[in-house]
């Protein structure tokens, strides 16, 4: 993922780099987006078929505190995907701020992970 520009420093928004890595795996037919040691700040990511996020034990995917960074309603989003997953011993979380979830809920934020399947 760092090859796509992710810094993992906890300050830089890595959303675009993470999404580029997901897209590259999907374009290749499948693959794993590996989160190395670091804190990766992100807004909404769209997970695609055949792609696995692997959060290494020393890695953290931390959600942004800015509601505008959640363009799809959650931190990790997927719709109508197959062979997709999240693995590893690292952490995924949203920063706990006073009254942050009620605020986010008012604006359509649904949580950390949002997988949808359309009815046939």
PDB file of N, CA and C in Angstrom:
ATOM      1  N   UNK A   1       0.819  -1.190   0.000  1.00  0.00           N
ATOM      2  CA  UNK A   1       0.000   0.000   0.000  1.00  0.00           C
ATOM      3  C   UNK A   1       0.862   1.253   0.000  1.00  0.00           C
ATOM      4  N   UNK A   2       2.005   1.181   0.639  1.00  0.00           N
ATOM      5  CA  UNK A   2       2.893   2.344   0.637  1.00  0.00           C
ATOM      6  C   UNK A   2       3.357   2.675  -0.780  1.00  0.00           C
ATOM      7  N   UNK A   3       3.366   1.686  -1.670  1.00  0.00           N
ATOM      8  CA  UNK A   3       3.725   1.943  -3.067  1.00  0.00           C
ATOM      9  C   UNK A   3       2.724   2.877  -3.747  1.00  0.00           C
ATOM     10  N   UNK A   4       1.529   2.981  -3.187  1.00  0.00           N
ATOM     11  CA  UNK A   4       0.495   3.865  -3.734  1.00  0.00           C
ATOM     12  C   UNK A   4       0.441   5.202  -3.005  1.00  0.00           C
ATOM     13  N   UNK A   5       1.385   5.429  -2.097  1.00  0.00           N
ATOM     14  CA  UNK A   5       1.495   6.728  -1.445  1.00  0.00           C
ATOM     15  C   UNK A   5       1.032   6.807  -0.005  1.00  0.00           C
ATOM     16  N   UNK A   6       0.600   5.700   0.580  1.00  0.00           N
ATOM     17  CA  UNK A   6       0.162   5.732   1.982  1.00  0.00           C
ATOM     18  C   UNK A   6       1.353   6.015   2.890  1.00  0.00           C
ATOM     19  N   UNK A   7       1.158   6.871   3.874  1.00  0.00           N
ATOM     20  CA  UNK A   7       2.223   7.245   4.808  1.00  0.00           C
ATOM     21  C   UNK A   7       2.166   6.435   6.103  1.00  0.00           C
ATOM     22  N   UNK A   8       0.972   6.210   6.627  1.00  0.00           N
ATOM     23  CA  UNK A   8       0.845   5.458   7.875  1.00  0.00           C
ATOM     24  C   UNK A   8       1.416   6.189   9.072  1.00  0.00           C
ATOM     25  N   UNK A   9       1.401   7.521   9.021  1.00  0.00           N
ATOM     26  CA  UNK A   9       1.963   8.313  10.111  1.00  0.00           C
ATOM     27  C   UNK A   9       0.917   8.803  11.114  1.00  0.00           C
ATOM     28  N   UNK A  10      -0.351   8.486  10.869  1.00  0.00           N
ATOM     29  CA  UNK A  10      -1.420   8.889  11.780  1.00  0.00           C
ATOM     30  C   UNK A  10      -1.920  10.305  11.574  1.00  0.00           C
ATOM     31  N   UNK A  11      -1.236  11.079  10.744  1.00  0.00           N
ATOM     32  CA  UNK A  11      -1.635  12.464  10.480  1.00  0.00           C
ATOM     33  C   UNK A  11      -2.096  12.683   9.041  1.00  0.00           C
ATOM     34  N   UNK A  12      -1.441  12.013   8.108  1.00  0.00           N
ATOM     35  CA  UNK A  12      -1.759  12.151   6.693  1.00  0.00           C
ATOM     36  C   UNK A  12      -2.970  11.295   6.351  1.00  0.00           C
ATOM     37  N   UNK A  13      -3.929  11.862   5.633  1.00  0.00           N
ATOM     38  CA  UNK A  13      -5.076  11.059   5.186  1.00  0.00           C
ATOM     39  C   UNK A  13      -4.617  10.140   4.065  1.00  0.00           C
ATOM     40  N   UNK A  14      -4.730   8.848   4.315  1.00  0.00           N
ATOM     41  CA  UNK A  14      -4.286   7.821   3.385  1.00  0.00           C
ATOM     42  C   UNK A  14      -5.413   7.249   2.545  1.00  0.00           C
ATOM     43  N   UNK A  15      -6.564   7.865   2.583  1.00  0.00           N
ATOM     44  CA  UNK A  15      -7.745   7.348   1.883  1.00  0.00           C
ATOM     45  C   UNK A  15      -7.466   7.063   0.412  1.00  0.00           C
ATOM     46  N   UNK A  16      -6.930   8.033  -0.308  1.00  0.00           N
ATOM     47  CA  UNK A  16      -6.703   7.874  -1.751  1.00  0.00           C
ATOM     48  C   UNK A  16      -5.713   6.741  -2.037  1.00  0.00           C
ATOM     49  N   UNK A  17      -4.661   6.640  -1.251  1.00  0.00           N
ATOM     50  CA  UNK A  17      -3.661   5.588  -1.454  1.00  0.00           C
ATOM     51  C   UNK A  17      -4.253   4.201  -1.183  1.00  0.00           C
ATOM     52  N   UNK A  18      -5.038   4.090  -0.115  1.00  0.00           N
ATOM     53  CA  UNK A  18      -5.675   2.810   0.203  1.00  0.00           C
ATOM     54  C   UNK A  18      -6.618   2.411  -0.927  1.00  0.00           C
ATOM     55  N   UNK A  19      -7.421   3.368  -1.405  1.00  0.00           N
ATOM     56  CA  UNK A  19      -8.369   3.064  -2.480  1.00  0.00           C
ATOM     57  C   UNK A  19      -7.639   2.670  -3.758  1.00  0.00           C
ATOM     58  N   UNK A  20      -6.513   3.335  -4.062  1.00  0.00           N
ATOM     59  CA  UNK A  20      -5.730   2.969  -5.251  1.00  0.00           C
ATOM     60  C   UNK A  20      -5.225   1.533  -5.143  1.00  0.00           C
ATOM     61  N   UNK A  21      -4.785   1.146  -3.964  1.00  0.00           N
ATOM     62  CA  UNK A  21      -4.312  -0.227  -3.759  1.00  0.00           C
ATOM     63  C   UNK A  21      -5.455  -1.225  -3.934  1.00  0.00           C
ATOM     64  N   UNK A  22      -6.637  -0.915  -3.397  1.00  0.00           N
ATOM     65  CA  UNK A  22      -7.818  -1.780  -3.562  1.00  0.00           C
ATOM     66  C   UNK A  22      -8.169  -1.893  -5.039  1.00  0.00           C
ATOM     67  N   UNK A  23      -8.193  -0.771  -5.733  1.00  0.00           N
ATOM     68  CA  UNK A  23      -8.544  -0.768  -7.157  1.00  0.00           C
ATOM     69  C   UNK A  23      -7.550  -1.567  -7.984  1.00  0.00           C
ATOM     70  N   UNK A  24      -6.255  -1.458  -7.664  1.00  0.00           N
ATOM     71  CA  UNK A  24      -5.232  -2.202  -8.402  1.00  0.00           C
ATOM     72  C   UNK A  24      -5.410  -3.708  -8.217  1.00  0.00           C
ATOM     73  N   UNK A  25      -5.721  -4.131  -6.995  1.00  0.00           N
ATOM     74  CA  UNK A  25      -5.977  -5.551  -6.749  1.00  0.00           C
ATOM     75  C   UNK A  25      -7.197  -6.023  -7.528  1.00  0.00           C
ATOM     76  N   UNK A  26      -8.258  -5.237  -7.497  1.00  0.00           N
ATOM     77  CA  UNK A  26      -9.485  -5.602  -8.213  1.00  0.00           C
ATOM     78  C   UNK A  26      -9.234  -5.670  -9.717  1.00  0.00           C
ATOM     79  N   UNK A  27      -8.477  -4.720 -10.244  1.00  0.00           N
ATOM     80  CA  UNK A  27      -8.166  -4.713 -11.676  1.00  0.00           C
ATOM     81  C   UNK A  27      -7.340  -5.934 -12.077  1.00  0.00           C
ATOM     82  N   UNK A  28      -6.523  -6.427 -11.138  1.00  0.00           N
ATOM     83  CA  UNK A  28      -5.703  -7.613 -11.397  1.00  0.00           C
ATOM     84  C   UNK A  28      -6.494  -8.908 -11.251  1.00  0.00           C
ATOM     85  N   UNK A  29      -7.720  -8.813 -10.746  1.00  0.00           N
ATOM     86  CA  UNK A  29      -8.573  -9.991 -10.577  1.00  0.00           C
ATOM     87  C   UNK A  29      -8.714 -10.427  -9.136  1.00  0.00           C
ATOM     88  N   UNK A  30      -7.716 -10.150  -8.323  1.00  0.00           N
ATOM     89  CA  UNK A  30      -7.778 -10.400  -6.885  1.00  0.00           C
ATOM     90  C   UNK A  30      -6.479  -9.903  -6.256  1.00  0.00           C
ATOM     91  N   UNK A  31      -6.422  -9.970  -4.936  1.00  0.00           N
ATOM     92  CA  UNK A  31      -5.200  -9.558  -4.263  1.00  0.00           C
ATOM     93  C   UNK A  31      -5.443  -9.140  -2.838  1.00  0.00           C
ATOM     94  N   UNK A  32      -4.347  -8.802  -2.194  1.00  0.00           N
ATOM     95  CA  UNK A  32      -4.373  -8.421  -0.784  1.00  0.00           C
ATOM     96  C   UNK A  32      -3.780  -7.031  -0.622  1.00  0.00           C
ATOM     97  N   UNK A  33      -4.493  -6.171   0.074  1.00  0.00           N
ATOM     98  CA  UNK A  33      -3.973  -4.854   0.424  1.00  0.00           C
ATOM     99  C   UNK A  33      -3.389  -4.995   1.827  1.00  0.00           C
ATOM    100  N   UNK A  34      -2.068  -4.920   1.907  1.00  0.00           N
ATOM    101  CA  UNK A  34      -1.352  -5.157   3.161  1.00  0.00           C
ATOM    102  C   UNK A  34      -1.079  -3.836   3.870  1.00  0.00           C
ATOM    103  N   UNK A  35      -1.545  -3.753   5.126  1.00  0.00           N
ATOM    104  CA  UNK A  35      -1.272  -2.595   5.970  1.00  0.00           C
ATOM    105  C   UNK A  35      -0.049  -2.918   6.825  1.00  0.00           C
ATOM    106  N   UNK A  36       1.104  -2.314   6.546  1.00  0.00           N
ATOM    107  CA  UNK A  36       2.280  -2.562   7.368  1.00  0.00           C
ATOM    108  C   UNK A  36       2.186  -1.795   8.692  1.00  0.00           C
ATOM    109  N   UNK A  37       3.208  -1.860   9.476  1.00  0.00           N
ATOM    110  CA  UNK A  37       3.236  -1.133  10.745  1.00  0.00           C
ATOM    111  C   UNK A  37       2.959   0.351  10.504  1.00  0.00           C
ATOM    112  N   UNK A  38       2.046   0.912  11.295  1.00  0.00           N
ATOM    113  CA  UNK A  38       1.721   2.328  11.186  1.00  0.00           C
ATOM    114  C   UNK A  38       0.264   2.574  11.523  1.00  0.00           C
ATOM    115  N   UNK A  39      -0.101   3.852  11.503  1.00  0.00           N
ATOM    116  CA  UNK A  39      -1.481   4.275  11.738  1.00  0.00           C
ATOM    117  C   UNK A  39      -1.954   4.957  10.459  1.00  0.00           C
ATOM    118  N   UNK A  40      -2.936   4.335   9.806  1.00  0.00           N
ATOM    119  CA  UNK A  40      -3.422   4.782   8.511  1.00  0.00           C
ATOM    120  C   UNK A  40      -4.764   5.493   8.679  1.00  0.00           C
ATOM    121  N   UNK A  41      -4.744   6.800   8.540  1.00  0.00           N
ATOM    122  CA  UNK A  41      -5.928   7.640   8.689  1.00  0.00           C
ATOM    123  C   UNK A  41      -6.728   7.591   7.396  1.00  0.00           C
ATOM    124  N   UNK A  42      -8.033   7.348   7.507  1.00  0.00           N
ATOM    125  CA  UNK A  42      -8.824   7.164   6.297  1.00  0.00           C
ATOM    126  C   UNK A  42     -10.268   7.610   6.459  1.00  0.00           C
ATOM    127  N   UNK A  43     -10.851   7.983   5.330  1.00  0.00           N
ATOM    128  CA  UNK A  43     -12.282   8.152   5.200  1.00  0.00           C
ATOM    129  C   UNK A  43     -12.820   6.905   4.512  1.00  0.00           C
ATOM    130  N   UNK A  44     -13.947   7.016   3.832  1.00  0.00           N
ATOM    131  CA  UNK A  44     -14.594   5.863   3.200  1.00  0.00           C
ATOM    132  C   UNK A  44     -13.722   5.180   2.164  1.00  0.00           C
ATOM    133  N   UNK A  45     -13.661   3.853   2.289  1.00  0.00           N
ATOM    134  CA  UNK A  45     -12.985   2.979   1.327  1.00  0.00           C
ATOM    135  C   UNK A  45     -14.045   2.069   0.724  1.00  0.00           C
ATOM    136  N   UNK A  46     -13.950   1.816  -0.566  1.00  0.00           N
ATOM    137  CA  UNK A  46     -14.872   0.892  -1.227  1.00  0.00           C
ATOM    138  C   UNK A  46     -14.112  -0.388  -1.536  1.00  0.00           C
ATOM    139  N   UNK A  47     -14.448  -1.448  -0.815  1.00  0.00           N
ATOM    140  CA  UNK A  47     -13.835  -2.753  -1.016  1.00  0.00           C
ATOM    141  C   UNK A  47     -14.466  -3.410  -2.234  1.00  0.00           C
ATOM    142  N   UNK A  48     -13.671  -4.111  -3.019  1.00  0.00           N
ATOM    143  CA  UNK A  48     -14.163  -4.712  -4.261  1.00  0.00           C
ATOM    144  C   UNK A  48     -13.958  -6.219  -4.263  1.00  0.00           C
ATOM    145  N   UNK A  49     -14.649  -6.897  -5.156  1.00  0.00           N
ATOM    146  CA  UNK A  49     -14.565  -8.358  -5.257  1.00  0.00           C
ATOM    147  C   UNK A  49     -13.122  -8.812  -5.430  1.00  0.00           C
ATOM    148  N   UNK A  50     -12.790  -9.897  -4.720  1.00  0.00           N
ATOM    149  CA  UNK A  50     -11.475 -10.490  -4.826  1.00  0.00           C
ATOM    150  C   UNK A  50     -10.396  -9.816  -4.012  1.00  0.00           C
ATOM    151  N   UNK A  51     -10.753  -8.794  -3.251  1.00  0.00           N
ATOM    152  CA  UNK A  51      -9.760  -8.024  -2.507  1.00  0.00           C
ATOM    153  C   UNK A  51      -9.903  -8.279  -1.009  1.00  0.00           C
ATOM    154  N   UNK A  52      -8.780  -8.558  -0.372  1.00  0.00           N
ATOM    155  CA  UNK A  52      -8.734  -8.730   1.073  1.00  0.00           C
ATOM    156  C   UNK A  52      -7.882  -7.623   1.672  1.00  0.00           C
ATOM    157  N   UNK A  53      -8.395  -6.998   2.720  1.00  0.00           N
ATOM    158  CA  UNK A  53      -7.578  -6.064   3.498  1.00  0.00           C
ATOM    159  C   UNK A  53      -6.876  -6.881   4.565  1.00  0.00           C
ATOM    160  N   UNK A  54      -5.564  -6.778   4.650  1.00  0.00           N
ATOM    161  CA  UNK A  54      -4.814  -7.472   5.685  1.00  0.00           C
ATOM    162  C   UNK A  54      -4.176  -6.420   6.579  1.00  0.00           C
ATOM    163  N   UNK A  55      -4.703  -6.308   7.792  1.00  0.00           N
ATOM    164  CA  UNK A  55      -4.215  -5.330   8.760  1.00  0.00           C
ATOM    165  C   UNK A  55      -3.203  -6.049   9.652  1.00  0.00           C
ATOM    166  N   UNK A  56      -1.915  -5.792   9.450  1.00  0.00           N
ATOM    167  CA  UNK A  56      -0.878  -6.496  10.211  1.00  0.00           C
ATOM    168  C   UNK A  56      -0.989  -6.160  11.700  1.00  0.00           C
ATOM    169  N   UNK A  57      -0.421  -6.997  12.555  1.00  0.00           N
ATOM    170  CA  UNK A  57      -0.556  -6.796  14.011  1.00  0.00           C
ATOM    171  C   UNK A  57      -0.076  -5.437  14.521  1.00  0.00           C
ATOM    172  N   UNK A  58       0.845  -4.811  13.815  1.00  0.00           N
ATOM    173  CA  UNK A  58       1.355  -3.496  14.231  1.00  0.00           C
ATOM    174  C   UNK A  58       0.704  -2.349  13.473  1.00  0.00           C
ATOM    175  N   UNK A  59      -0.391  -2.629  12.785  1.00  0.00           N
ATOM    176  CA  UNK A  59      -1.054  -1.609  11.977  1.00  0.00           C
ATOM    177  C   UNK A  59      -2.416  -1.240  12.557  1.00  0.00           C
ATOM    178  N   UNK A  60      -2.807   0.002  12.303  1.00  0.00           N
ATOM    179  CA  UNK A  60      -4.118   0.508  12.704  1.00  0.00           C
ATOM    180  C   UNK A  60      -4.718   1.249  11.513  1.00  0.00           C
ATOM    181  N   UNK A  61      -5.956   0.903  11.168  1.00  0.00           N
ATOM    182  CA  UNK A  61      -6.725   1.701  10.212  1.00  0.00           C
ATOM    183  C   UNK A  61      -7.647   2.560  11.061  1.00  0.00           C
ATOM    184  N   UNK A  62      -7.364   3.855  11.086  1.00  0.00           N
ATOM    185  CA  UNK A  62      -8.113   4.763  11.957  1.00  0.00           C
ATOM    186  C   UNK A  62      -9.005   5.661  11.111  1.00  0.00           C
ATOM    187  N   UNK A  63     -10.276   5.682  11.456  1.00  0.00           N
ATOM    188  CA  UNK A  63     -11.227   6.527  10.756  1.00  0.00           C
ATOM    189  C   UNK A  63     -11.009   7.992  11.056  1.00  0.00           C
ATOM    190  N   UNK A  64     -11.235   8.802  10.062  1.00  0.00           N
ATOM    191  CA  UNK A  64     -11.129  10.252  10.187  1.00  0.00           C
ATOM    192  C   UNK A  64     -12.197  10.792  11.139  1.00  0.00           C
ATOM    193  N   UNK A  65     -11.919  11.919  11.745  1.00  0.00           N
ATOM    194  CA  UNK A  65     -12.918  12.589  12.583  1.00  0.00           C
ATOM    195  C   UNK A  65     -13.766  13.574  11.781  1.00  0.00           C
ATOM    196  N   UNK A  66     -13.480  13.720  10.481  1.00  0.00           N
ATOM    197  CA  UNK A  66     -14.206  14.644   9.619  1.00  0.00           C
ATOM    198  C   UNK A  66     -15.312  13.896   8.869  1.00  0.00           C
ATOM    199  N   UNK A  67     -16.557  14.226   9.134  1.00  0.00           N
ATOM    200  CA  UNK A  67     -17.698  13.545   8.515  1.00  0.00           C
ATOM    201  C   UNK A  67     -17.657  13.643   6.986  1.00  0.00           C
ATOM    202  N   UNK A  68     -17.069  14.700   6.456  1.00  0.00           N
ATOM    203  CA  UNK A  68     -16.986  14.870   5.003  1.00  0.00           C
ATOM    204  C   UNK A  68     -16.119  13.793   4.351  1.00  0.00           C
ATOM    205  N   UNK A  69     -15.284  13.111   5.123  1.00  0.00           N
ATOM    206  CA  UNK A  69     -14.431  12.047   4.587  1.00  0.00           C
ATOM    207  C   UNK A  69     -15.172  10.731   4.394  1.00  0.00           C
ATOM    208  N   UNK A  70     -16.437  10.668   4.835  1.00  0.00           N
ATOM    209  CA  UNK A  70     -17.226   9.441   4.729  1.00  0.00           C
ATOM    210  C   UNK A  70     -18.244   9.597   3.605  1.00  0.00           C
ATOM    211  N   UNK A  71     -17.767   9.467   2.384  1.00  0.00           N
ATOM    212  CA  UNK A  71     -18.620   9.681   1.209  1.00  0.00           C
ATOM    213  C   UNK A  71     -19.577   8.526   0.948  1.00  0.00           C
ATOM    214  N   UNK A  72     -19.338   7.368   1.566  1.00  0.00           N
ATOM    215  CA  UNK A  72     -20.177   6.189   1.327  1.00  0.00           C
ATOM    216  C   UNK A  72     -20.895   5.693   2.572  1.00  0.00           C
ATOM    217  N   UNK A  73     -20.840   6.416   3.670  1.00  0.00           N
ATOM    218  CA  UNK A  73     -21.632   6.051   4.842  1.00  0.00           C
ATOM    219  C   UNK A  73     -20.921   5.271   5.927  1.00  0.00           C
ATOM    220  N   UNK A  74     -19.757   4.692   5.638  1.00  0.00           N
ATOM    221  CA  UNK A  74     -19.005   3.945   6.648  1.00  0.00           C
ATOM    222  C   UNK A  74     -17.525   4.019   6.298  1.00  0.00           C
ATOM    223  N   UNK A  75     -16.686   3.529   7.175  1.00  0.00           N
ATOM    224  CA  UNK A  75     -15.250   3.517   6.910  1.00  0.00           C
ATOM    225  C   UNK A  75     -14.919   2.524   5.793  1.00  0.00           C
ATOM    226  N   UNK A  76     -15.400   1.293   5.906  1.00  0.00           N
ATOM    227  CA  UNK A  76     -15.163   0.268   4.888  1.00  0.00           C
ATOM    228  C   UNK A  76     -16.515  -0.132   4.312  1.00  0.00           C
ATOM    229  N   UNK A  77     -16.662   0.031   3.016  1.00  0.00           N
ATOM    230  CA  UNK A  77     -17.930  -0.225   2.331  1.00  0.00           C
ATOM    231  C   UNK A  77     -17.733  -1.261   1.237  1.00  0.00           C
ATOM    232  N   UNK A  78     -18.741  -2.093   1.040  1.00  0.00           N
ATOM    233  CA  UNK A  78     -18.716  -3.060  -0.051  1.00  0.00           C
ATOM    234  C   UNK A  78     -20.154  -3.358  -0.451  1.00  0.00           C
ATOM    235  N   UNK A  79     -20.361  -3.506  -1.734  1.00  0.00           N
ATOM    236  CA  UNK A  79     -21.698  -3.830  -2.226  1.00  0.00           C
ATOM    237  C   UNK A  79     -21.586  -4.863  -3.332  1.00  0.00           C
ATOM    238  N   UNK A  80     -22.352  -5.950  -3.188  1.00  0.00           N
ATOM    239  CA  UNK A  80     -22.367  -7.023  -4.177  1.00  0.00           C
ATOM    240  C   UNK A  80     -20.962  -7.537  -4.493  1.00  0.00           C
ATOM    241  N   UNK A  81     -20.201  -7.856  -3.467  1.00  0.00           N
ATOM    242  CA  UNK A  81     -18.841  -8.357  -3.659  1.00  0.00           C
ATOM    243  C   UNK A  81     -18.761  -9.851  -3.343  1.00  0.00           C
ATOM    244  N   UNK A  82     -17.751 -10.478  -3.903  1.00  0.00           N
ATOM    245  CA  UNK A  82     -17.476 -11.886  -3.645  1.00  0.00           C
ATOM    246  C   UNK A  82     -15.997 -12.031  -3.320  1.00  0.00           C
ATOM    247  N   UNK A  83     -15.682 -13.063  -2.527  1.00  0.00           N
ATOM    248  CA  UNK A  83     -14.294 -13.369  -2.188  1.00  0.00           C
ATOM    249  C   UNK A  83     -13.564 -12.146  -1.646  1.00  0.00           C
ATOM    250  N   UNK A  84     -14.201 -11.500  -0.705  1.00  0.00           N
ATOM    251  CA  UNK A  84     -13.677 -10.286  -0.092  1.00  0.00           C
ATOM    252  C   UNK A  84     -13.567 -10.506   1.409  1.00  0.00           C
ATOM    253  N   UNK A  85     -12.556  -9.910   2.024  1.00  0.00           N
ATOM    254  CA  UNK A  85     -12.435 -10.090   3.461  1.00  0.00           C
ATOM    255  C   UNK A  85     -11.525  -9.072   4.118  1.00  0.00           C
ATOM    256  N   UNK A  86     -11.513  -9.173   5.435  1.00  0.00           N
ATOM    257  CA  UNK A  86     -10.635  -8.358   6.264  1.00  0.00           C
ATOM    258  C   UNK A  86      -9.958  -9.325   7.221  1.00  0.00           C
ATOM    259  N   UNK A  87      -8.626  -9.328   7.220  1.00  0.00           N
ATOM    260  CA  UNK A  87      -7.865 -10.274   8.025  1.00  0.00           C
ATOM    261  C   UNK A  87      -6.739  -9.566   8.758  1.00  0.00           C
ATOM    262  N   UNK A  88      -6.056 -10.329   9.596  1.00  0.00           N
ATOM    263  CA  UNK A  88      -4.870  -9.827  10.283  1.00  0.00           C
ATOM    264  C   UNK A  88      -5.135  -9.519  11.744  1.00  0.00           C
ATOM    265  N   UNK A  89      -4.086  -9.203  12.444  1.00  0.00           N
ATOM    266  CA  UNK A  89      -4.187  -8.959  13.878  1.00  0.00           C
ATOM    267  C   UNK A  89      -4.165  -7.505  14.271  1.00  0.00           C
ATOM    268  N   UNK A  90      -4.267  -6.609  13.300  1.00  0.00           N
ATOM    269  CA  UNK A  90      -4.257  -5.176  13.592  1.00  0.00           C
ATOM    270  C   UNK A  90      -5.626  -4.676  14.006  1.00  0.00           C
ATOM    271  N   UNK A  91      -5.746  -3.371  14.125  1.00  0.00           N
ATOM    272  CA  UNK A  91      -6.978  -2.748  14.606  1.00  0.00           C
ATOM    273  C   UNK A  91      -7.612  -1.854  13.555  1.00  0.00           C
ATOM    274  N   UNK A  92      -8.933  -1.781  13.604  1.00  0.00           N
ATOM    275  CA  UNK A  92      -9.722  -0.843  12.814  1.00  0.00           C
ATOM    276  C   UNK A  92     -10.616  -0.120  13.806  1.00  0.00           C
ATOM    277  N   UNK A  93     -10.545   1.201  13.821  1.00  0.00           N
ATOM    278  CA  UNK A  93     -11.406   1.891  14.770  1.00  0.00           C
ATOM    279  C   UNK A  93     -11.696   3.324  14.351  1.00  0.00           C
ATOM    280  N   UNK A  94     -12.721   3.841  14.976  1.00  0.00           N
ATOM    281  CA  UNK A  94     -13.081   5.245  14.838  1.00  0.00           C
ATOM    282  C   UNK A  94     -12.670   5.942  16.127  1.00  0.00           C
ATOM    283  N   UNK A  95     -12.080   7.112  16.023  1.00  0.00           N
ATOM    284  CA  UNK A  95     -11.712   7.840  17.239  1.00  0.00           C
ATOM    285  C   UNK A  95     -12.948   8.132  18.079  1.00  0.00           C
ATOM    286  N   UNK A  96     -12.820   7.937  19.376  1.00  0.00           N
ATOM    287  CA  UNK A  96     -13.926   8.235  20.294  1.00  0.00           C
ATOM    288  C   UNK A  96     -13.821   9.693  20.702  1.00  0.00           C
ATOM    289  N   UNK A  97     -14.792  10.448  20.273  1.00  0.00           N
ATOM    290  CA  UNK A  97     -14.861  11.845  20.670  1.00  0.00           C
ATOM    291  C   UNK A  97     -16.216  12.079  21.300  1.00  0.00           C
ATOM    292  N   UNK A  98     -16.264  13.008  22.183  1.00  0.00           N
ATOM    293  CA  UNK A  98     -17.515  13.309  22.860  1.00  0.00           C
ATOM    294  C   UNK A  98     -18.603  13.610  21.832  1.00  0.00           C
ATOM    295  N   UNK A  99     -19.673  12.851  21.908  1.00  0.00           N
ATOM    296  CA  UNK A  99     -20.847  13.029  21.039  1.00  0.00           C
ATOM    297  C   UNK A  99     -20.573  12.816  19.552  1.00  0.00           C
ATOM    298  N   UNK A 100     -19.477  12.122  19.202  1.00  0.00           N
ATOM    299  CA  UNK A 100     -19.161  11.968  17.782  1.00  0.00           C
ATOM    300  C   UNK A 100     -20.147  11.061  17.054  1.00  0.00           C
ATOM    301  N   UNK A 101     -20.552   9.925  17.649  1.00  0.00           N
ATOM    302  CA  UNK A 101     -21.464   9.034  16.933  1.00  0.00           C
ATOM    303  C   UNK A 101     -22.849   9.633  16.722  1.00  0.00           C
ATOM    304  N   UNK A 102     -23.441  10.311  17.711  1.00  0.00           N
ATOM    305  CA  UNK A 102     -24.727  10.963  17.402  1.00  0.00           C
ATOM    306  C   UNK A 102     -24.588  11.991  16.280  1.00  0.00           C
ATOM    307  N   UNK A 103     -23.483  12.718  16.263  1.00  0.00           N
ATOM    308  CA  UNK A 103     -23.250  13.700  15.204  1.00  0.00           C
ATOM    309  C   UNK A 103     -23.140  13.002  13.855  1.00  0.00           C
ATOM    310  N   UNK A 104     -22.320  11.956  13.787  1.00  0.00           N
ATOM    311  CA  UNK A 104     -22.146  11.238  12.539  1.00  0.00           C
ATOM    312  C   UNK A 104     -23.454  10.609  12.085  1.00  0.00           C
ATOM    313  N   UNK A 105     -24.245  10.060  13.002  1.00  0.00           N
ATOM    314  CA  UNK A 105     -25.511   9.421  12.650  1.00  0.00           C
ATOM    315  C   UNK A 105     -26.476  10.380  11.983  1.00  0.00           C
ATOM    316  N   UNK A 106     -26.479  11.618  12.403  1.00  0.00           N
ATOM    317  CA  UNK A 106     -27.355  12.615  11.782  1.00  0.00           C
ATOM    318  C   UNK A 106     -27.050  12.817  10.316  1.00  0.00           C
ATOM    319  N   UNK A 107     -25.814  12.530   9.931  1.00  0.00           N
ATOM    320  CA  UNK A 107     -25.389  12.756   8.556  1.00  0.00           C
ATOM    321  C   UNK A 107     -25.250  11.471   7.746  1.00  0.00           C
ATOM    322  N   UNK A 108     -25.882  10.404   8.200  1.00  0.00           N
ATOM    323  CA  UNK A 108     -25.935   9.171   7.441  1.00  0.00           C
ATOM    324  C   UNK A 108     -24.767   8.225   7.646  1.00  0.00           C
ATOM    325  N   UNK A 109     -23.951   8.478   8.646  1.00  0.00           N
ATOM    326  CA  UNK A 109     -22.816   7.597   8.919  1.00  0.00           C
ATOM    327  C   UNK A 109     -23.332   6.342   9.589  1.00  0.00           C
ATOM    328  N   UNK A 110     -22.953   5.157   9.042  1.00  0.00           N
ATOM    329  CA  UNK A 110     -23.527   3.924   9.562  1.00  0.00           C
ATOM    330  C   UNK A 110     -22.554   3.070  10.367  1.00  0.00           C
ATOM    331  N   UNK A 111     -21.308   3.439  10.466  1.00  0.00           N
ATOM    332  CA  UNK A 111     -20.398   2.674  11.299  1.00  0.00           C
ATOM    333  C   UNK A 111     -19.075   2.362  10.636  1.00  0.00           C
ATOM    334  N   UNK A 112     -18.400   1.385  11.191  1.00  0.00           N
ATOM    335  CA  UNK A 112     -17.070   1.055  10.704  1.00  0.00           C
ATOM    336  C   UNK A 112     -17.137   0.269   9.397  1.00  0.00           C
ATOM    337  N   UNK A 113     -17.971  -0.772   9.343  1.00  0.00           N
ATOM    338  CA  UNK A 113     -18.030  -1.626   8.160  1.00  0.00           C
ATOM    339  C   UNK A 113     -19.469  -1.706   7.662  1.00  0.00           C
ATOM    340  N   UNK A 114     -19.637  -1.576   6.350  1.00  0.00           N
ATOM    341  CA  UNK A 114     -20.974  -1.611   5.752  1.00  0.00           C
ATOM    342  C   UNK A 114     -20.922  -2.455   4.488  1.00  0.00           C
ATOM    343  N   UNK A 115     -21.449  -3.676   4.559  1.00  0.00           N
ATOM    344  CA  UNK A 115     -21.525  -4.562   3.406  1.00  0.00           C
ATOM    345  C   UNK A 115     -22.985  -4.651   2.995  1.00  0.00           C
ATOM    346  N   UNK A 116     -23.261  -4.453   1.728  1.00  0.00           N
ATOM    347  CA  UNK A 116     -24.625  -4.508   1.211  1.00  0.00           C
ATOM    348  C   UNK A 116     -24.714  -5.541   0.094  1.00  0.00           C
ATOM    349  N   UNK A 117     -25.878  -6.155   0.019  1.00  0.00           N
ATOM    350  CA  UNK A 117     -26.143  -7.076  -1.076  1.00  0.00           C
ATOM    351  C   UNK A 117     -27.493  -6.696  -1.682  1.00  0.00           C
ATOM    352  N   UNK A 118     -27.475  -6.362  -2.944  1.00  0.00           N
ATOM    353  CA  UNK A 118     -28.714  -5.984  -3.610  1.00  0.00           C
ATOM    354  C   UNK A 118     -29.581  -7.214  -3.844  1.00  0.00           C
ATOM    355  N   UNK A 119     -30.883  -7.027  -3.725  1.00  0.00           N
ATOM    356  CA  UNK A 119     -31.828  -8.128  -3.969  1.00  0.00           C
ATOM    357  C   UNK A 119     -31.812  -8.481  -5.448  1.00  0.00           C
ATOM    358  N   UNK A 120     -31.909  -9.757  -5.727  1.00  0.00           N
ATOM    359  CA  UNK A 120     -31.883 -10.215  -7.135  1.00  0.00           C
ATOM    360  C   UNK A 120     -33.202  -9.938  -7.805  1.00  0.00           C
TER     361      UNK A 120
END
